[in-house]
Structures are given as C-alpha cells and as structure tokens.
C-alpha cells in the first residue's frame, strides 16, 4: 500500500525488520525518501543520528487522524 508520503510528513512506525523493534509506536517526521535493497525507505532524525525505516512499516498521521476529521465525538463526563 502506498500512502504518498512526502518530506515533513508525520508518520507512526508500525513494524520492524528486527533491527530496532523498540521504535514501533514512535511518531517521526519524515526527512527524505530513497530505495534500499530495492524497497522504498524513509530516513528521519533520531537525535543526532539519521535512521531509516521501510515505507511498508509506516502509517501516515495526517488528515483523518486529526481530531477535527475523526468521526467519534467526545462525550462530556
């Protein structure tokens, strides 16, 4: 599935190739796209280091993920 990511997009890491499984669930800002071993990858900054993640392990955080686009409404307590 292609999400048509672009640099500056927010994404949630939803999978891992086993190299850094502790990053699953991390929200990142995508920096640049490339191809690694024939597969689309995105690079992002982790502190001072640049990390890479396969595009298939990313979920976009935009549009319908914003509170105004969600279908459910908060119910006052």
Protein backbone atom coordinates (compact mmCIF):
# COMPACT_ATOMS: atom_id res chain seq x y z
CA UNK A 1 0.00 0.00 0.00
CA UNK A 2 1.37 3.41 -0.92
CA UNK A 3 0.49 6.39 1.25
CA UNK A 4 2.13 9.05 -0.95
CA UNK A 5 4.37 10.30 1.85
CA UNK A 6 6.40 13.48 1.39
CA UNK A 7 9.22 15.09 3.36
CA UNK A 8 7.95 16.75 6.54
CA UNK A 9 5.00 14.34 6.99
CA UNK A 10 4.33 12.80 10.39
CA UNK A 11 4.27 9.00 10.46
CA UNK A 12 3.86 6.28 13.06
CA UNK A 13 6.25 3.33 12.94
CA UNK A 14 4.02 0.22 12.95
CA UNK A 15 6.53 -2.51 12.11
CA UNK A 16 10.16 -3.50 12.31
CA UNK A 17 12.63 -5.64 10.42
CA UNK A 18 14.03 -6.70 13.81
CA UNK A 19 16.88 -4.21 13.86
CA UNK A 20 15.25 -1.71 16.29
CA UNK A 21 11.91 -3.17 17.48
CA UNK A 22 11.76 -0.66 20.34
CA UNK A 23 10.91 2.04 17.77
CA UNK A 24 7.50 0.51 16.97
CA UNK A 25 4.91 3.02 18.19
CA UNK A 26 7.22 6.02 17.70
CA UNK A 27 5.96 9.10 15.85
CA UNK A 28 8.54 10.51 13.43
CA UNK A 29 8.92 13.37 10.94
CA UNK A 30 9.98 12.01 7.56
CA UNK A 31 13.11 13.63 6.15
CA UNK A 32 13.94 12.06 2.79
CA UNK A 33 12.93 9.08 0.66
CA UNK A 34 15.20 6.58 -1.03
CA UNK A 35 15.49 2.98 -2.09
CA UNK A 36 17.40 0.40 -0.08
CA UNK A 37 17.71 -3.18 -1.36
CA UNK A 38 15.01 -2.44 -3.96
CA UNK A 39 12.44 -1.34 -1.35
CA UNK A 40 11.20 2.22 -0.65
CA UNK A 41 12.65 3.58 2.61
CA UNK A 42 12.31 6.85 4.52
CA UNK A 43 15.05 8.48 6.57
CA UNK A 44 14.37 10.54 9.69
CA UNK A 45 16.39 12.08 12.54
CA UNK A 46 16.74 10.28 15.87
CA UNK A 47 18.57 12.87 17.94
CA UNK A 48 21.85 13.47 16.11
CA UNK A 49 21.63 10.25 14.07
CA UNK A 50 19.78 9.57 10.85
CA UNK A 51 17.66 6.39 10.92
CA UNK A 52 15.84 4.59 8.12
CA UNK A 53 12.54 2.72 8.08
CA UNK A 54 10.88 0.71 5.31
CA UNK A 55 7.85 2.54 3.91
CA UNK A 56 5.68 -0.54 4.49
CA UNK A 57 6.32 -0.12 8.25
CA UNK A 58 4.89 3.42 8.35
CA UNK A 59 1.36 4.72 8.88
CA UNK A 60 0.59 8.34 7.94
CA UNK A 61 -0.56 10.76 10.64
CA UNK A 62 -2.46 13.45 8.72
CA UNK A 63 -5.93 14.49 7.56
CA UNK A 64 -8.38 11.96 9.05
CA UNK A 65 -6.08 11.37 12.04
CA UNK A 66 -6.53 14.98 13.17
CA UNK A 67 -9.20 15.46 15.90
CA UNK A 68 -11.41 17.55 13.57
CA UNK A 69 -11.55 14.74 11.00
CA UNK A 70 -12.42 11.92 13.38
CA UNK A 71 -15.95 10.59 13.28
CA UNK A 72 -16.43 9.94 17.00
CA UNK A 73 -17.21 12.83 19.31
CA UNK A 74 -16.04 13.30 22.88
CA UNK A 75 -18.80 12.92 25.45
CA UNK A 76 -18.59 15.28 28.46
CA UNK A 77 -18.35 13.46 31.78
